[in-house]
């Protein structure tokens, strides 16, 4: 049996590269927003109010329930969490040429 190596765990468990990318982006946003909430040092109720969500939704985020959050929902939380998000696209075809 050959050993396969993957760039990330998402590449190993998702069916397509696109799904793996989506999960990588979602997980990174969740990690950063969770860190910010912990930096605030406030109750979940207060943190949820700051983010504009209900406390059970914040609890899902803090517990890492990634399947409960779409990429767009997480991007929408970056503003209230005081993050600036940028998207960078690289042309793979141009890089090879």
PDB file of N, CA and C in Angstrom:
ATOM      1  N   UNK A   1       0.835  -1.176   0.000  1.00  0.00           N
ATOM      2  CA  UNK A   1       0.000   0.000   0.000  1.00  0.00           C
ATOM      3  C   UNK A   1       0.885   1.246   0.000  1.00  0.00           C
ATOM      4  N   UNK A   2       0.659   2.147  -0.932  1.00  0.00           N
ATOM      5  CA  UNK A   2       1.459   3.361  -1.056  1.00  0.00           C
ATOM      6  C   UNK A   2       0.959   4.426  -0.084  1.00  0.00           C
ATOM      7  N   UNK A   3       1.890   5.162   0.452  1.00  0.00           N
ATOM      8  CA  UNK A   3       1.539   6.270   1.330  1.00  0.00           C
ATOM      9  C   UNK A   3       1.264   7.503   0.495  1.00  0.00           C
ATOM     10  N   UNK A   4       0.100   8.104   0.709  1.00  0.00           N
ATOM     11  CA  UNK A   4      -0.220   9.347   0.029  1.00  0.00           C
ATOM     12  C   UNK A   4       0.098  10.502   0.953  1.00  0.00           C
ATOM     13  N   UNK A   5       0.591  11.582   0.383  1.00  0.00           N
ATOM     14  CA  UNK A   5       0.853  12.779   1.160  1.00  0.00           C
ATOM     15  C   UNK A   5      -0.038  13.897   0.642  1.00  0.00           C
ATOM     16  N   UNK A   6      -0.573  14.656   1.590  1.00  0.00           N
ATOM     17  CA  UNK A   6      -1.493  15.728   1.247  1.00  0.00           C
ATOM     18  C   UNK A   6      -0.990  17.029   1.849  1.00  0.00           C
ATOM     19  N   UNK A   7      -1.324  18.121   1.185  1.00  0.00           N
ATOM     20  CA  UNK A   7      -0.938  19.440   1.667  1.00  0.00           C
ATOM     21  C   UNK A   7      -1.671  19.792   2.961  1.00  0.00           C
ATOM     22  N   UNK A   8      -2.915  19.360   3.085  1.00  0.00           N
ATOM     23  CA  UNK A   8      -3.682  19.604   4.305  1.00  0.00           C
ATOM     24  C   UNK A   8      -4.612  18.432   4.552  1.00  0.00           C
ATOM     25  N   UNK A   9      -5.127  18.376   5.752  1.00  0.00           N
ATOM     26  CA  UNK A   9      -6.067  17.315   6.100  1.00  0.00           C
ATOM     27  C   UNK A   9      -7.306  17.403   5.218  1.00  0.00           C
ATOM     28  N   UNK A  10      -7.678  18.611   4.836  1.00  0.00           N
ATOM     29  CA  UNK A  10      -8.867  18.768   3.996  1.00  0.00           C
ATOM     30  C   UNK A  10      -8.661  18.141   2.627  1.00  0.00           C
ATOM     31  N   UNK A  11      -7.459  18.207   2.095  1.00  0.00           N
ATOM     32  CA  UNK A  11      -7.181  17.562   0.817  1.00  0.00           C
ATOM     33  C   UNK A  11      -7.372  16.053   0.924  1.00  0.00           C
ATOM     34  N   UNK A  12      -7.088  15.513   2.093  1.00  0.00           N
ATOM     35  CA  UNK A  12      -7.201  14.074   2.300  1.00  0.00           C
ATOM     36  C   UNK A  12      -8.649  13.616   2.452  1.00  0.00           C
ATOM     37  N   UNK A  13      -9.484  14.449   3.054  1.00  0.00           N
ATOM     38  CA  UNK A  13     -10.829  13.961   3.366  1.00  0.00           C
ATOM     39  C   UNK A  13     -11.938  14.489   2.467  1.00  0.00           C
ATOM     40  N   UNK A  14     -11.694  15.550   1.745  1.00  0.00           N
ATOM     41  CA  UNK A  14     -12.723  16.076   0.848  1.00  0.00           C
ATOM     42  C   UNK A  14     -12.618  15.431  -0.528  1.00  0.00           C
ATOM     43  N   UNK A  15     -13.735  15.414  -1.238  1.00  0.00           N
ATOM     44  CA  UNK A  15     -13.803  14.721  -2.529  1.00  0.00           C
ATOM     45  C   UNK A  15     -13.126  15.465  -3.670  1.00  0.00           C
ATOM     46  N   UNK A  16     -13.141  16.794  -3.608  1.00  0.00           N
ATOM     47  CA  UNK A  16     -12.566  17.575  -4.707  1.00  0.00           C
ATOM     48  C   UNK A  16     -11.630  18.640  -4.156  1.00  0.00           C
ATOM     49  N   UNK A  17     -10.724  19.128  -4.980  1.00  0.00           N
ATOM     50  CA  UNK A  17      -9.849  20.224  -4.542  1.00  0.00           C
ATOM     51  C   UNK A  17     -10.639  21.484  -4.169  1.00  0.00           C
ATOM     52  N   UNK A  18     -11.744  21.720  -4.846  1.00  0.00           N
ATOM     53  CA  UNK A  18     -12.559  22.895  -4.553  1.00  0.00           C
ATOM     54  C   UNK A  18     -13.200  22.792  -3.161  1.00  0.00           C
ATOM     55  N   UNK A  19     -13.699  21.602  -2.824  1.00  0.00           N
ATOM     56  CA  UNK A  19     -14.281  21.404  -1.495  1.00  0.00           C
ATOM     57  C   UNK A  19     -13.208  21.525  -0.416  1.00  0.00           C
ATOM     58  N   UNK A  20     -12.024  21.007  -0.694  1.00  0.00           N
ATOM     59  CA  UNK A  20     -10.927  21.101   0.274  1.00  0.00           C
ATOM     60  C   UNK A  20     -10.533  22.563   0.498  1.00  0.00           C
ATOM     61  N   UNK A  21     -10.465  23.343  -0.561  1.00  0.00           N
ATOM     62  CA  UNK A  21     -10.141  24.767  -0.437  1.00  0.00           C
ATOM     63  C   UNK A  21     -11.197  25.489   0.392  1.00  0.00           C
ATOM     64  N   UNK A  22     -12.453  25.213   0.114  1.00  0.00           N
ATOM     65  CA  UNK A  22     -13.530  25.835   0.870  1.00  0.00           C
ATOM     66  C   UNK A  22     -13.393  25.520   2.358  1.00  0.00           C
ATOM     67  N   UNK A  23     -13.104  24.283   2.687  1.00  0.00           N
ATOM     68  CA  UNK A  23     -12.960  23.891   4.089  1.00  0.00           C
ATOM     69  C   UNK A  23     -11.723  24.531   4.727  1.00  0.00           C
ATOM     70  N   UNK A  24     -10.634  24.634   3.986  1.00  0.00           N
ATOM     71  CA  UNK A  24      -9.426  25.297   4.516  1.00  0.00           C
ATOM     72  C   UNK A  24      -9.713  26.756   4.847  1.00  0.00           C
ATOM     73  N   UNK A  25     -10.406  27.437   3.954  1.00  0.00           N
ATOM     74  CA  UNK A  25     -10.730  28.839   4.177  1.00  0.00           C
ATOM     75  C   UNK A  25     -11.671  28.997   5.369  1.00  0.00           C
ATOM     76  N   UNK A  26     -12.684  28.146   5.431  1.00  0.00           N
ATOM     77  CA  UNK A  26     -13.622  28.211   6.550  1.00  0.00           C
ATOM     78  C   UNK A  26     -12.913  27.949   7.873  1.00  0.00           C
ATOM     79  N   UNK A  27     -12.058  26.938   7.896  1.00  0.00           N
ATOM     80  CA  UNK A  27     -11.383  26.614   9.154  1.00  0.00           C
ATOM     81  C   UNK A  27     -10.450  27.749   9.588  1.00  0.00           C
ATOM     82  N   UNK A  28      -9.759  28.367   8.648  1.00  0.00           N
ATOM     83  CA  UNK A  28      -8.869  29.480   8.999  1.00  0.00           C
ATOM     84  C   UNK A  28      -9.663  30.664   9.554  1.00  0.00           C
ATOM     85  N   UNK A  29     -10.781  30.973   8.933  1.00  0.00           N
ATOM     86  CA  UNK A  29     -11.619  32.067   9.447  1.00  0.00           C
ATOM     87  C   UNK A  29     -12.147  31.741  10.837  1.00  0.00           C
ATOM     88  N   UNK A  30     -12.579  30.507  11.036  1.00  0.00           N
ATOM     89  CA  UNK A  30     -13.095  30.119  12.355  1.00  0.00           C
ATOM     90  C   UNK A  30     -12.010  30.231  13.422  1.00  0.00           C
ATOM     91  N   UNK A  31     -10.818  29.803  13.095  1.00  0.00           N
ATOM     92  CA  UNK A  31      -9.707  29.883  14.051  1.00  0.00           C
ATOM     93  C   UNK A  31      -9.431  31.332  14.429  1.00  0.00           C
ATOM     94  N   UNK A  32      -9.343  32.202  13.444  1.00  0.00           N
ATOM     95  CA  UNK A  32      -9.015  33.609  13.712  1.00  0.00           C
ATOM     96  C   UNK A  32     -10.121  34.316  14.487  1.00  0.00           C
ATOM     97  N   UNK A  33     -11.377  34.053  14.139  1.00  0.00           N
ATOM     98  CA  UNK A  33     -12.481  34.692  14.852  1.00  0.00           C
ATOM     99  C   UNK A  33     -12.539  34.173  16.288  1.00  0.00           C
ATOM    100  N   UNK A  34     -12.320  32.887  16.477  1.00  0.00           N
ATOM    101  CA  UNK A  34     -12.299  32.310  17.822  1.00  0.00           C
ATOM    102  C   UNK A  34     -11.193  32.943  18.661  1.00  0.00           C
ATOM    103  N   UNK A  35     -10.015  33.116  18.074  1.00  0.00           N
ATOM    104  CA  UNK A  35      -8.915  33.776  18.794  1.00  0.00           C
ATOM    105  C   UNK A  35      -9.303  35.188  19.208  1.00  0.00           C
ATOM    106  N   UNK A  36      -9.958  35.904  18.307  1.00  0.00           N
ATOM    107  CA  UNK A  36     -10.364  37.277  18.614  1.00  0.00           C
ATOM    108  C   UNK A  36     -11.352  37.299  19.774  1.00  0.00           C
ATOM    109  N   UNK A  37     -12.323  36.406  19.747  1.00  0.00           N
ATOM    110  CA  UNK A  37     -13.312  36.341  20.825  1.00  0.00           C
ATOM    111  C   UNK A  37     -12.613  36.074  22.153  1.00  0.00           C
ATOM    112  N   UNK A  38     -11.640  35.170  22.156  1.00  0.00           N
ATOM    113  CA  UNK A  38     -10.915  34.871  23.387  1.00  0.00           C
ATOM    114  C   UNK A  38     -10.086  36.074  23.846  1.00  0.00           C
ATOM    115  N   UNK A  39      -9.537  36.836  22.898  1.00  0.00           N
ATOM    116  CA  UNK A  39      -8.780  38.049  23.239  1.00  0.00           C
ATOM    117  C   UNK A  39      -9.668  39.070  23.943  1.00  0.00           C
ATOM    118  N   UNK A  40     -10.920  39.135  23.542  1.00  0.00           N
ATOM    119  CA  UNK A  40     -11.838  40.087  24.146  1.00  0.00           C
ATOM    120  C   UNK A  40     -12.022  39.821  25.633  1.00  0.00           C
ATOM    121  N   UNK A  41     -11.973  38.562  26.025  1.00  0.00           N
ATOM    122  CA  UNK A  41     -12.121  38.215  27.433  1.00  0.00           C
ATOM    123  C   UNK A  41     -13.485  38.565  28.015  1.00  0.00           C
ATOM    124  N   UNK A  42     -14.509  38.429  27.214  1.00  0.00           N
ATOM    125  CA  UNK A  42     -15.868  38.735  27.658  1.00  0.00           C
ATOM    126  C   UNK A  42     -16.701  37.456  27.648  1.00  0.00           C
ATOM    127  N   UNK A  43     -17.906  37.545  28.154  1.00  0.00           N
ATOM    128  CA  UNK A  43     -18.801  36.390  28.143  1.00  0.00           C
ATOM    129  C   UNK A  43     -19.212  36.061  26.713  1.00  0.00           C
ATOM    130  N   UNK A  44     -19.712  34.854  26.535  1.00  0.00           N
ATOM    131  CA  UNK A  44     -20.208  34.476  25.210  1.00  0.00           C
ATOM    132  C   UNK A  44     -21.364  35.380  24.791  1.00  0.00           C
ATOM    133  N   UNK A  45     -22.178  35.751  25.739  1.00  0.00           N
ATOM    134  CA  UNK A  45     -23.304  36.635  25.419  1.00  0.00           C
ATOM    135  C   UNK A  45     -22.802  37.968  24.871  1.00  0.00           C
ATOM    136  N   UNK A  46     -21.811  38.562  25.536  1.00  0.00           N
ATOM    137  CA  UNK A  46     -21.251  39.836  25.084  1.00  0.00           C
ATOM    138  C   UNK A  46     -20.543  39.675  23.740  1.00  0.00           C
ATOM    139  N   UNK A  47     -19.783  38.618  23.589  1.00  0.00           N
ATOM    140  CA  UNK A  47     -19.073  38.381  22.326  1.00  0.00           C
ATOM    141  C   UNK A  47     -20.068  38.190  21.181  1.00  0.00           C
ATOM    142  N   UNK A  48     -21.130  37.464  21.432  1.00  0.00           N
ATOM    143  CA  UNK A  48     -22.152  37.258  20.403  1.00  0.00           C
ATOM    144  C   UNK A  48     -22.776  38.594  19.999  1.00  0.00           C
ATOM    145  N   UNK A  49     -23.041  39.447  20.980  1.00  0.00           N
ATOM    146  CA  UNK A  49     -23.592  40.772  20.675  1.00  0.00           C
ATOM    147  C   UNK A  49     -22.624  41.576  19.821  1.00  0.00           C
ATOM    148  N   UNK A  50     -21.346  41.524  20.153  1.00  0.00           N
ATOM    149  CA  UNK A  50     -20.342  42.248  19.364  1.00  0.00           C
ATOM    150  C   UNK A  50     -20.311  41.765  17.923  1.00  0.00           C
ATOM    151  N   UNK A  51     -20.495  40.451  17.734  1.00  0.00           N
ATOM    152  CA  UNK A  51     -20.454  39.875  16.390  1.00  0.00           C
ATOM    153  C   UNK A  51     -21.793  39.976  15.664  1.00  0.00           C
ATOM    154  N   UNK A  52     -22.844  40.320  16.386  1.00  0.00           N
ATOM    155  CA  UNK A  52     -24.164  40.433  15.769  1.00  0.00           C
ATOM    156  C   UNK A  52     -24.835  39.091  15.533  1.00  0.00           C
ATOM    157  N   UNK A  53     -24.525  38.121  16.390  1.00  0.00           N
ATOM    158  CA  UNK A  53     -25.130  36.795  16.272  1.00  0.00           C
ATOM    159  C   UNK A  53     -25.699  36.396  17.630  1.00  0.00           C
ATOM    160  N   UNK A  54     -26.474  35.318  17.645  1.00  0.00           N
ATOM    161  CA  UNK A  54     -27.006  34.838  18.912  1.00  0.00           C
ATOM    162  C   UNK A  54     -25.966  33.957  19.605  1.00  0.00           C
ATOM    163  N   UNK A  55     -26.071  33.851  20.922  1.00  0.00           N
ATOM    164  CA  UNK A  55     -25.081  33.116  21.699  1.00  0.00           C
ATOM    165  C   UNK A  55     -24.953  31.653  21.285  1.00  0.00           C
ATOM    166  N   UNK A  56     -26.053  30.926  20.987  1.00  0.00           N
ATOM    167  CA  UNK A  56     -25.872  29.534  20.540  1.00  0.00           C
ATOM    168  C   UNK A  56     -25.054  29.429  19.244  1.00  0.00           C
ATOM    169  N   UNK A  57     -25.201  30.424  18.383  1.00  0.00           N
ATOM    170  CA  UNK A  57     -24.419  30.443  17.131  1.00  0.00           C
ATOM    171  C   UNK A  57     -22.938  30.646  17.448  1.00  0.00           C
ATOM    172  N   UNK A  58     -22.640  31.532  18.375  1.00  0.00           N
ATOM    173  CA  UNK A  58     -21.260  31.739  18.802  1.00  0.00           C
ATOM    174  C   UNK A  58     -20.702  30.464  19.412  1.00  0.00           C
ATOM    175  N   UNK A  59     -21.500  29.777  20.196  1.00  0.00           N
ATOM    176  CA  UNK A  59     -21.056  28.527  20.807  1.00  0.00           C
ATOM    177  C   UNK A  59     -20.676  27.512  19.735  1.00  0.00           C
ATOM    178  N   UNK A  60     -21.454  27.436  18.658  1.00  0.00           N
ATOM    179  CA  UNK A  60     -21.109  26.543  17.539  1.00  0.00           C
ATOM    180  C   UNK A  60     -19.750  26.914  16.958  1.00  0.00           C
ATOM    181  N   UNK A  61     -19.500  28.197  16.827  1.00  0.00           N
ATOM    182  CA  UNK A  61     -18.217  28.668  16.303  1.00  0.00           C
ATOM    183  C   UNK A  61     -17.081  28.274  17.237  1.00  0.00           C
ATOM    184  N   UNK A  62     -17.252  28.541  18.521  1.00  0.00           N
ATOM    185  CA  UNK A  62     -16.197  28.263  19.490  1.00  0.00           C
ATOM    186  C   UNK A  62     -15.940  26.773  19.651  1.00  0.00           C
ATOM    187  N   UNK A  63     -16.944  25.965  19.395  1.00  0.00           N
ATOM    188  CA  UNK A  63     -16.791  24.503  19.480  1.00  0.00           C
ATOM    189  C   UNK A  63     -16.257  23.909  18.182  1.00  0.00           C
ATOM    190  N   UNK A  64     -16.023  24.757  17.167  1.00  0.00           N
ATOM    191  CA  UNK A  64     -15.445  24.292  15.915  1.00  0.00           C
ATOM    192  C   UNK A  64     -16.398  23.519  15.025  1.00  0.00           C
ATOM    193  N   UNK A  65     -17.663  23.778  15.138  1.00  0.00           N
ATOM    194  CA  UNK A  65     -18.665  23.075  14.327  1.00  0.00           C
ATOM    195  C   UNK A  65     -18.696  23.688  12.922  1.00  0.00           C
ATOM    196  N   UNK A  66     -17.701  23.320  12.152  1.00  0.00           N
ATOM    197  CA  UNK A  66     -17.454  23.937  10.848  1.00  0.00           C
ATOM    198  C   UNK A  66     -18.600  23.733   9.868  1.00  0.00           C
ATOM    199  N   UNK A  67     -19.298  22.620   9.966  1.00  0.00           N
ATOM    200  CA  UNK A  67     -20.393  22.359   9.030  1.00  0.00           C
ATOM    201  C   UNK A  67     -21.609  23.247   9.261  1.00  0.00           C
ATOM    202  N   UNK A  68     -21.615  23.996  10.335  1.00  0.00           N
ATOM    203  CA  UNK A  68     -22.729  24.906  10.609  1.00  0.00           C
ATOM    204  C   UNK A  68     -22.490  26.305  10.028  1.00  0.00           C
ATOM    205  N   UNK A  69     -21.315  26.505   9.399  1.00  0.00           N
ATOM    206  CA  UNK A  69     -20.963  27.821   8.880  1.00  0.00           C
ATOM    207  C   UNK A  69     -20.529  27.729   7.427  1.00  0.00           C
ATOM    208  N   UNK A  70     -21.147  28.543   6.594  1.00  0.00           N
ATOM    209  CA  UNK A  70     -20.688  28.690   5.230  1.00  0.00           C
ATOM    210  C   UNK A  70     -19.588  29.735   5.176  1.00  0.00           C
ATOM    211  N   UNK A  71     -18.869  29.745   4.096  1.00  0.00           N
ATOM    212  CA  UNK A  71     -17.782  30.702   3.925  1.00  0.00           C
ATOM    213  C   UNK A  71     -18.300  32.136   4.006  1.00  0.00           C
ATOM    214  N   UNK A  72     -19.437  32.399   3.384  1.00  0.00           N
ATOM    215  CA  UNK A  72     -19.988  33.757   3.410  1.00  0.00           C
ATOM    216  C   UNK A  72     -20.363  34.206   4.817  1.00  0.00           C
ATOM    217  N   UNK A  73     -20.922  33.313   5.614  1.00  0.00           N
ATOM    218  CA  UNK A  73     -21.293  33.666   6.990  1.00  0.00           C
ATOM    219  C   UNK A  73     -20.055  34.022   7.808  1.00  0.00           C
ATOM    220  N   UNK A  74     -18.983  33.293   7.605  1.00  0.00           N
ATOM    221  CA  UNK A  74     -17.748  33.573   8.346  1.00  0.00           C
ATOM    222  C   UNK A  74     -17.112  34.877   7.890  1.00  0.00           C
ATOM    223  N   UNK A  75     -17.124  35.133   6.603  1.00  0.00           N
ATOM    224  CA  UNK A  75     -16.598  36.406   6.097  1.00  0.00           C
ATOM    225  C   UNK A  75     -17.397  37.565   6.698  1.00  0.00           C
ATOM    226  N   UNK A  76     -18.707  37.380   6.837  1.00  0.00           N
ATOM    227  CA  UNK A  76     -19.542  38.437   7.413  1.00  0.00           C
ATOM    228  C   UNK A  76     -19.194  38.711   8.873  1.00  0.00           C
ATOM    229  N   UNK A  77     -18.616  37.750   9.569  1.00  0.00           N
ATOM    230  CA  UNK A  77     -18.229  37.949  10.970  1.00  0.00           C
ATOM    231  C   UNK A  77     -16.883  38.658  11.119  1.00  0.00           C
ATOM    232  N   UNK A  78     -16.119  38.738  10.041  1.00  0.00           N
ATOM    233  CA  UNK A  78     -14.792  39.346  10.149  1.00  0.00           C
ATOM    234  C   UNK A  78     -14.854  40.843  10.411  1.00  0.00           C
ATOM    235  N   UNK A  79     -15.847  41.524   9.889  1.00  0.00           N
ATOM    236  CA  UNK A  79     -15.987  42.959  10.140  1.00  0.00           C
ATOM    237  C   UNK A  79     -16.196  43.260  11.607  1.00  0.00           C
ATOM    238  N   UNK A  80     -17.231  42.671  12.215  1.00  0.00           N
ATOM    239  CA  UNK A  80     -17.435  42.912  13.647  1.00  0.00           C
ATOM    240  C   UNK A  80     -16.268  42.428  14.516  1.00  0.00           C
ATOM    241  N   UNK A  81     -15.489  41.465  14.003  1.00  0.00           N
ATOM    242  CA  UNK A  81     -14.319  40.980  14.748  1.00  0.00           C
ATOM    243  C   UNK A  81     -13.094  41.856  14.485  1.00  0.00           C
ATOM    244  N   UNK A  82     -13.268  42.902  13.685  1.00  0.00           N
ATOM    245  CA  UNK A  82     -12.212  43.872  13.374  1.00  0.00           C
ATOM    246  C   UNK A  82     -11.060  43.259  12.580  1.00  0.00           C
ATOM    247  N   UNK A  83     -11.431  42.456  11.591  1.00  0.00           N
ATOM    248  CA  UNK A  83     -10.447  41.910  10.659  1.00  0.00           C
ATOM    249  C   UNK A  83     -10.672  42.523   9.288  1.00  0.00           C
ATOM    250  N   UNK A  84      -9.622  42.617   8.529  1.00  0.00           N
ATOM    251  CA  UNK A  84      -9.678  43.022   7.130  1.00  0.00           C
ATOM    252  C   UNK A  84      -9.367  41.776   6.310  1.00  0.00           C
ATOM    253  N   UNK A  85     -10.255  41.405   5.416  1.00  0.00           N
ATOM    254  CA  UNK A  85     -10.084  40.202   4.608  1.00  0.00           C
ATOM    255  C   UNK A  85      -9.807  40.604   3.172  1.00  0.00           C
ATOM    256  N   UNK A  86      -8.814  39.972   2.586  1.00  0.00           N
ATOM    257  CA  UNK A  86      -8.513  40.182   1.175  1.00  0.00           C
ATOM    258  C   UNK A  86      -8.463  38.834   0.482  1.00  0.00           C
ATOM    259  N   UNK A  87      -8.823  38.829  -0.773  1.00  0.00           N
ATOM    260  CA  UNK A  87      -8.780  37.626  -1.586  1.00  0.00           C
ATOM    261  C   UNK A  87      -7.660  37.788  -2.603  1.00  0.00           C
ATOM    262  N   UNK A  88      -6.798  36.805  -2.667  1.00  0.00           N
ATOM    263  CA  UNK A  88      -5.713  36.828  -3.638  1.00  0.00           C
ATOM    264  C   UNK A  88      -5.877  35.631  -4.558  1.00  0.00           C
ATOM    265  N   UNK A  89      -5.917  35.907  -5.834  1.00  0.00           N
ATOM    266  CA  UNK A  89      -6.003  34.828  -6.837  1.00  0.00           C
ATOM    267  C   UNK A  89      -4.699  34.759  -7.594  1.00  0.00           C
ATOM    268  N   UNK A  90      -4.230  33.546  -7.784  1.00  0.00           N
ATOM    269  CA  UNK A  90      -3.020  33.344  -8.560  1.00  0.00           C
ATOM    270  C   UNK A  90      -3.373  32.542  -9.806  1.00  0.00           C
ATOM    271  N   UNK A  91      -2.853  32.973 -10.918  1.00  0.00           N
ATOM    272  CA  UNK A  91      -3.093  32.280 -12.179  1.00  0.00           C
ATOM    273  C   UNK A  91      -2.074  31.154 -12.304  1.00  0.00           C
ATOM    274  N   UNK A  92      -2.525  29.935 -12.089  1.00  0.00           N
ATOM    275  CA  UNK A  92      -1.627  28.779 -12.157  1.00  0.00           C
ATOM    276  C   UNK A  92      -1.034  28.591 -13.545  1.00  0.00           C
ATOM    277  N   UNK A  93      -1.824  28.872 -14.550  1.00  0.00           N
ATOM    278  CA  UNK A  93      -1.353  28.710 -15.924  1.00  0.00           C
ATOM    279  C   UNK A  93      -0.233  29.702 -16.236  1.00  0.00           C
ATOM    280  N   UNK A  94      -0.373  30.930 -15.784  1.00  0.00           N
ATOM    281  CA  UNK A  94       0.660  31.947 -16.031  1.00  0.00           C
ATOM    282  C   UNK A  94       1.934  31.613 -15.280  1.00  0.00           C
ATOM    283  N   UNK A  95       1.808  31.008 -14.094  1.00  0.00           N
ATOM    284  CA  UNK A  95       2.977  30.665 -13.292  1.00  0.00           C
ATOM    285  C   UNK A  95       3.791  29.557 -13.945  1.00  0.00           C
ATOM    286  N   UNK A  96       3.131  28.673 -14.652  1.00  0.00           N
ATOM    287  CA  UNK A  96       3.817  27.552 -15.300  1.00  0.00           C
ATOM    288  C   UNK A  96       4.513  28.021 -16.572  1.00  0.00           C
ATOM    289  N   UNK A  97       3.938  28.982 -17.263  1.00  0.00           N
ATOM    290  CA  UNK A  97       4.483  29.443 -18.549  1.00  0.00           C
ATOM    291  C   UNK A  97       5.755  30.209 -18.431  1.00  0.00           C
TER     292      UNK A  97
END
